[in-house]
């Protein structure tokens, strides 16, 4: 946690604790020597901050990989049918006569 501690003015989260049983101590090492019951919430804060940093870096990495491997959208296929101007039904593009109304069609 040195970069985080440097940003916060040299704060070391691992020394944060609450004494549950025994006299209040100045440092965690003193409390452990005496055998006082403590809750070391500073260690938990370190673990949470480490997890968030790693999760954010993995998120950015995966997002960049997804951008690099994204496939471009396929081009739309050319139409294979058109509408008969007389009866308004769908007919093949190459048809010269409408199969429904038998009208002659211009290409």
N, C-alpha and C. Protein backbone atom coordinates (compact mmCIF):
# COMPACT_ATOMS: atom_id res chain seq x y z
N UNK A 1 0.80 -1.20 0.00
CA UNK A 1 0.00 0.00 0.00
C UNK A 1 0.85 1.27 0.00
N UNK A 2 2.11 1.21 -0.35
CA UNK A 2 2.90 2.45 -0.32
C UNK A 2 2.34 3.57 -1.20
N UNK A 3 1.85 3.32 -2.42
CA UNK A 3 1.32 4.45 -3.21
C UNK A 3 0.10 5.10 -2.55
N UNK A 4 -0.79 4.30 -1.98
CA UNK A 4 -1.97 4.86 -1.32
C UNK A 4 -1.54 5.62 -0.06
N UNK A 5 -0.62 5.06 0.69
CA UNK A 5 -0.12 5.74 1.89
C UNK A 5 0.57 7.05 1.54
N UNK A 6 1.30 7.08 0.43
CA UNK A 6 1.96 8.31 -0.01
C UNK A 6 0.94 9.37 -0.37
N UNK A 7 -0.12 8.97 -1.06
CA UNK A 7 -1.18 9.92 -1.43
C UNK A 7 -1.91 10.47 -0.22
N UNK A 8 -2.05 9.67 0.82
CA UNK A 8 -2.78 10.09 2.01
C UNK A 8 -1.86 10.69 3.08
N UNK A 9 -0.63 10.95 2.75
CA UNK A 9 0.27 11.59 3.71
C UNK A 9 0.96 10.63 4.65
N UNK A 10 1.26 9.43 4.20
CA UNK A 10 2.00 8.48 5.01
C UNK A 10 1.16 7.67 5.98
N UNK A 11 -0.12 7.55 5.74
CA UNK A 11 -0.99 6.77 6.62
C UNK A 11 -0.79 5.29 6.31
N UNK A 12 -0.59 4.50 7.37
CA UNK A 12 -0.45 3.05 7.21
C UNK A 12 -1.68 2.40 7.83
N UNK A 13 -2.54 1.84 7.00
CA UNK A 13 -3.80 1.27 7.47
C UNK A 13 -3.61 0.01 8.30
N UNK A 14 -2.49 -0.69 8.13
CA UNK A 14 -2.32 -1.96 8.83
C UNK A 14 -2.17 -1.78 10.35
N UNK A 15 -1.88 -0.58 10.81
CA UNK A 15 -1.75 -0.34 12.24
C UNK A 15 -3.05 0.11 12.90
N UNK A 16 -4.13 0.17 12.17
CA UNK A 16 -5.41 0.60 12.75
C UNK A 16 -6.08 -0.58 13.44
N UNK A 17 -6.48 -0.37 14.69
CA UNK A 17 -7.12 -1.45 15.45
C UNK A 17 -7.97 -0.87 16.56
N UNK A 18 -8.84 -1.70 17.10
CA UNK A 18 -9.66 -1.34 18.26
C UNK A 18 -9.39 -2.39 19.33
N UNK A 19 -9.10 -1.93 20.55
CA UNK A 19 -8.85 -2.84 21.67
C UNK A 19 -10.19 -3.17 22.32
N UNK A 20 -10.52 -4.47 22.35
CA UNK A 20 -11.77 -4.90 22.95
C UNK A 20 -11.61 -5.23 24.44
N UNK A 21 -10.50 -5.85 24.75
CA UNK A 21 -10.30 -6.26 26.14
C UNK A 21 -8.87 -5.90 26.53
N UNK A 22 -8.73 -5.25 27.63
CA UNK A 22 -7.42 -4.82 28.08
C UNK A 22 -7.31 -3.31 27.98
N UNK A 23 -6.16 -2.80 28.35
CA UNK A 23 -5.96 -1.36 28.31
C UNK A 23 -5.67 -0.90 26.89
N UNK A 24 -6.08 0.31 26.54
CA UNK A 24 -5.77 0.84 25.20
C UNK A 24 -4.26 0.95 25.00
N UNK A 25 -3.80 0.56 23.84
CA UNK A 25 -2.38 0.59 23.51
C UNK A 25 -2.15 1.56 22.36
N UNK A 26 -0.91 2.02 22.24
CA UNK A 26 -0.57 2.99 21.19
C UNK A 26 -0.38 2.31 19.84
N UNK A 27 0.19 1.09 19.86
CA UNK A 27 0.44 0.40 18.60
C UNK A 27 -0.11 -1.02 18.67
N UNK A 28 -0.28 -1.60 17.51
CA UNK A 28 -0.78 -2.97 17.41
C UNK A 28 0.24 -3.95 17.97
N UNK A 29 1.52 -3.69 17.75
CA UNK A 29 2.57 -4.58 18.27
C UNK A 29 2.54 -4.65 19.80
N UNK A 30 2.33 -3.51 20.44
CA UNK A 30 2.25 -3.49 21.91
C UNK A 30 1.03 -4.28 22.38
N UNK A 31 -0.09 -4.11 21.70
CA UNK A 31 -1.31 -4.82 22.10
C UNK A 31 -1.13 -6.32 21.94
N UNK A 32 -0.44 -6.76 20.91
CA UNK A 32 -0.22 -8.19 20.70
C UNK A 32 0.77 -8.76 21.72
N UNK A 33 1.76 -7.98 22.14
CA UNK A 33 2.70 -8.43 23.15
C UNK A 33 2.00 -8.68 24.49
N UNK A 34 1.10 -7.79 24.85
CA UNK A 34 0.38 -7.90 26.11
C UNK A 34 -0.69 -8.98 26.03
N UNK A 35 -1.13 -9.31 24.83
CA UNK A 35 -2.18 -10.32 24.65
C UNK A 35 -3.58 -9.72 24.69
N UNK A 36 -3.69 -8.45 24.39
CA UNK A 36 -5.00 -7.79 24.38
C UNK A 36 -5.82 -8.27 23.19
N UNK A 37 -7.14 -8.33 23.39
CA UNK A 37 -8.05 -8.73 22.32
C UNK A 37 -8.32 -7.50 21.46
N UNK A 38 -8.04 -7.62 20.15
CA UNK A 38 -8.18 -6.46 19.25
C UNK A 38 -8.94 -6.85 17.99
N UNK A 39 -9.54 -5.86 17.39
CA UNK A 39 -10.10 -5.99 16.04
C UNK A 39 -9.19 -5.18 15.13
N UNK A 40 -8.53 -5.86 14.21
CA UNK A 40 -7.57 -5.22 13.32
C UNK A 40 -8.28 -4.79 12.04
N UNK A 41 -9.03 -3.71 12.10
CA UNK A 41 -9.78 -3.28 10.93
C UNK A 41 -8.89 -2.64 9.87
N UNK A 42 -7.69 -2.25 10.22
CA UNK A 42 -6.76 -1.69 9.24
C UNK A 42 -6.32 -2.73 8.22
N UNK A 43 -6.14 -3.96 8.66
CA UNK A 43 -5.77 -5.05 7.74
C UNK A 43 -6.92 -5.30 6.76
N UNK A 44 -8.14 -5.23 7.28
CA UNK A 44 -9.32 -5.40 6.41
C UNK A 44 -9.38 -4.27 5.38
N UNK A 45 -9.14 -3.03 5.81
CA UNK A 45 -9.15 -1.90 4.87
C UNK A 45 -8.09 -2.09 3.78
N UNK A 46 -6.91 -2.56 4.17
CA UNK A 46 -5.86 -2.83 3.19
C UNK A 46 -6.32 -3.86 2.16
N UNK A 47 -6.96 -4.92 2.64
CA UNK A 47 -7.42 -5.97 1.73
C UNK A 47 -8.50 -5.45 0.80
N UNK A 48 -9.42 -4.63 1.31
CA UNK A 48 -10.49 -4.08 0.47
C UNK A 48 -9.91 -3.14 -0.60
N UNK A 49 -9.00 -2.29 -0.20
CA UNK A 49 -8.40 -1.35 -1.17
C UNK A 49 -7.59 -2.11 -2.21
N UNK A 50 -6.83 -3.12 -1.79
CA UNK A 50 -6.08 -3.94 -2.75
C UNK A 50 -7.02 -4.62 -3.73
N UNK A 51 -8.12 -5.16 -3.23
CA UNK A 51 -9.09 -5.83 -4.09
C UNK A 51 -9.68 -4.85 -5.11
N UNK A 52 -10.05 -3.66 -4.66
CA UNK A 52 -10.64 -2.67 -5.57
C UNK A 52 -9.65 -2.24 -6.65
N UNK A 53 -8.40 -2.07 -6.27
CA UNK A 53 -7.39 -1.69 -7.26
C UNK A 53 -7.21 -2.79 -8.30
N UNK A 54 -7.07 -4.02 -7.85
CA UNK A 54 -6.89 -5.15 -8.77
C UNK A 54 -8.13 -5.33 -9.65
N UNK A 55 -9.33 -5.22 -9.07
CA UNK A 55 -10.56 -5.37 -9.85
C UNK A 55 -10.67 -4.28 -10.91
N UNK A 56 -10.30 -3.06 -10.58
CA UNK A 56 -10.37 -1.96 -11.54
C UNK A 56 -9.38 -2.18 -12.68
N UNK A 57 -8.17 -2.62 -12.37
CA UNK A 57 -7.17 -2.87 -13.40
C UNK A 57 -7.63 -4.01 -14.31
N UNK A 58 -8.18 -5.07 -13.75
CA UNK A 58 -8.68 -6.18 -14.57
C UNK A 58 -9.84 -5.72 -15.44
N UNK A 59 -10.73 -4.88 -14.90
CA UNK A 59 -11.84 -4.33 -15.69
C UNK A 59 -11.31 -3.55 -16.89
N UNK A 60 -10.31 -2.67 -16.66
CA UNK A 60 -9.75 -1.89 -17.77
C UNK A 60 -9.08 -2.79 -18.79
N UNK A 61 -8.38 -3.81 -18.33
CA UNK A 61 -7.70 -4.74 -19.23
C UNK A 61 -8.71 -5.49 -20.11
N UNK A 62 -9.76 -6.00 -19.51
CA UNK A 62 -10.76 -6.75 -20.27
C UNK A 62 -11.48 -5.83 -21.25
N UNK A 63 -11.75 -4.60 -20.83
CA UNK A 63 -12.41 -3.64 -21.73
C UNK A 63 -11.55 -3.35 -22.96
N UNK A 64 -10.24 -3.21 -22.78
CA UNK A 64 -9.35 -2.96 -23.89
C UNK A 64 -9.25 -4.18 -24.81
N UNK A 65 -9.20 -5.36 -24.23
CA UNK A 65 -9.15 -6.59 -25.05
C UNK A 65 -10.42 -6.72 -25.88
N UNK A 66 -11.56 -6.41 -25.29
CA UNK A 66 -12.82 -6.48 -26.02
C UNK A 66 -12.86 -5.47 -27.16
N UNK A 67 -12.29 -4.29 -26.96
CA UNK A 67 -12.24 -3.30 -28.04
C UNK A 67 -11.36 -3.77 -29.18
N UNK A 68 -10.24 -4.42 -28.84
CA UNK A 68 -9.31 -4.88 -29.87
C UNK A 68 -9.86 -6.06 -30.67
N UNK A 69 -10.66 -6.89 -30.02
CA UNK A 69 -11.17 -8.09 -30.70
C UNK A 69 -12.58 -7.92 -31.24
N UNK A 70 -13.14 -6.72 -31.17
CA UNK A 70 -14.50 -6.50 -31.66
C UNK A 70 -14.54 -6.67 -33.18
N UNK A 71 -15.54 -7.39 -33.64
CA UNK A 71 -15.70 -7.62 -35.07
C UNK A 71 -16.55 -6.50 -35.66
N UNK A 72 -16.18 -6.02 -36.85
CA UNK A 72 -17.00 -4.98 -37.47
C UNK A 72 -18.35 -5.55 -37.90
N UNK A 73 -19.34 -4.69 -37.97
CA UNK A 73 -20.69 -5.11 -38.37
C UNK A 73 -20.66 -5.57 -39.82
N UNK A 74 -21.34 -6.68 -40.12
CA UNK A 74 -21.34 -7.15 -41.50
C UNK A 74 -22.13 -6.19 -42.40
N UNK A 75 -21.70 -6.12 -43.65
CA UNK A 75 -22.41 -5.27 -44.61
C UNK A 75 -23.74 -5.91 -44.95
N UNK A 76 -24.78 -5.09 -45.15
CA UNK A 76 -26.08 -5.67 -45.49
C UNK A 76 -26.03 -6.36 -46.85
N UNK A 77 -26.73 -7.48 -46.94
CA UNK A 77 -26.76 -8.24 -48.18
C UNK A 77 -27.59 -7.50 -49.23
N UNK A 78 -27.24 -7.72 -50.49
CA UNK A 78 -27.98 -7.09 -51.58
C UNK A 78 -29.39 -7.69 -51.63
N UNK A 79 -30.40 -6.88 -51.96
CA UNK A 79 -31.76 -7.42 -52.02
C UNK A 79 -31.91 -8.45 -53.14
N UNK A 80 -32.70 -9.48 -52.88
CA UNK A 80 -32.93 -10.52 -53.89
C UNK A 80 -34.32 -10.44 -54.49
N UNK A 81 -35.16 -9.56 -53.94
CA UNK A 81 -36.52 -9.42 -54.47
C UNK A 81 -36.84 -7.95 -54.68
N UNK A 82 -37.89 -7.71 -55.48
CA UNK A 82 -38.41 -6.37 -55.67
C UNK A 82 -39.92 -6.44 -55.71
N UNK A 83 -40.56 -5.31 -55.78
CA UNK A 83 -42.02 -5.27 -55.76
C UNK A 83 -42.55 -5.06 -57.17
N UNK A 84 -43.57 -5.80 -57.54
CA UNK A 84 -44.22 -5.63 -58.84
C UNK A 84 -44.97 -4.30 -58.82
N UNK A 85 -44.76 -3.42 -59.82
CA UNK A 85 -45.42 -2.12 -59.80
C UNK A 85 -46.93 -2.21 -60.04
N UNK A 86 -47.41 -3.34 -60.53
CA UNK A 86 -48.84 -3.47 -60.85
C UNK A 86 -49.63 -4.11 -59.70
N UNK A 87 -49.14 -5.27 -59.21
CA UNK A 87 -49.92 -5.97 -58.18
C UNK A 87 -49.30 -5.87 -56.79
N UNK A 88 -48.13 -5.24 -56.68
CA UNK A 88 -47.45 -4.98 -55.40
C UNK A 88 -47.06 -6.24 -54.63
N UNK A 89 -46.75 -7.33 -55.33
CA UNK A 89 -46.26 -8.54 -54.67
C UNK A 89 -44.75 -8.63 -54.85
N UNK A 90 -44.11 -9.41 -54.00
CA UNK A 90 -42.67 -9.60 -54.07
C UNK A 90 -42.34 -10.58 -55.19
N UNK A 91 -41.38 -10.18 -56.03
CA UNK A 91 -40.93 -11.05 -57.13
C UNK A 91 -39.41 -11.04 -57.16
N UNK A 92 -38.78 -12.07 -57.76
CA UNK A 92 -37.32 -12.07 -57.87
C UNK A 92 -36.83 -10.88 -58.71
N UNK A 93 -35.63 -10.40 -58.42
CA UNK A 93 -35.09 -9.23 -59.12
C UNK A 93 -34.92 -9.51 -60.61
N UNK A 94 -34.52 -10.69 -60.99
CA UNK A 94 -34.25 -11.01 -62.39
C UNK A 94 -35.50 -11.34 -63.19
N UNK A 95 -36.66 -11.33 -62.58
CA UNK A 95 -37.90 -11.70 -63.29
C UNK A 95 -38.24 -10.65 -64.35
N UNK A 96 -38.72 -11.13 -65.52
CA UNK A 96 -39.15 -10.23 -66.59
C UNK A 96 -40.67 -10.16 -66.68
N UNK A 97 -41.32 -11.08 -66.00
CA UNK A 97 -42.79 -11.10 -65.97
C UNK A 97 -43.23 -11.49 -64.56
N UNK A 98 -44.26 -10.83 -64.06
CA UNK A 98 -44.77 -11.11 -62.72
C UNK A 98 -45.52 -12.43 -62.74
N UNK A 99 -45.21 -13.36 -61.84
CA UNK A 99 -45.90 -14.65 -61.83
C UNK A 99 -47.34 -14.54 -61.30
N UNK A 100 -47.70 -13.45 -60.67
CA UNK A 100 -49.04 -13.32 -60.10
C UNK A 100 -50.01 -12.63 -61.05
N UNK A 101 -49.56 -11.50 -61.64
CA UNK A 101 -50.46 -10.77 -62.52
C UNK A 101 -50.07 -10.87 -63.98
N UNK A 102 -49.01 -11.55 -64.28
CA UNK A 102 -48.45 -11.79 -65.64
C UNK A 102 -48.13 -10.51 -66.39
N UNK A 103 -47.87 -9.43 -65.70
CA UNK A 103 -47.48 -8.19 -66.35
C UNK A 103 -46.02 -8.26 -66.76
N UNK A 104 -45.71 -7.63 -67.89
CA UNK A 104 -44.31 -7.55 -68.32
C UNK A 104 -43.65 -6.47 -67.53
N UNK A 105 -42.44 -6.78 -67.03
CA UNK A 105 -41.72 -5.87 -66.17
C UNK A 105 -40.47 -5.33 -66.85
N UNK A 106 -40.19 -4.08 -66.58
CA UNK A 106 -38.95 -3.48 -67.09
C UNK A 106 -37.88 -3.66 -66.02
N UNK A 107 -36.70 -3.86 -66.44
CA UNK A 107 -35.61 -4.02 -65.47
C UNK A 107 -35.23 -2.73 -64.95
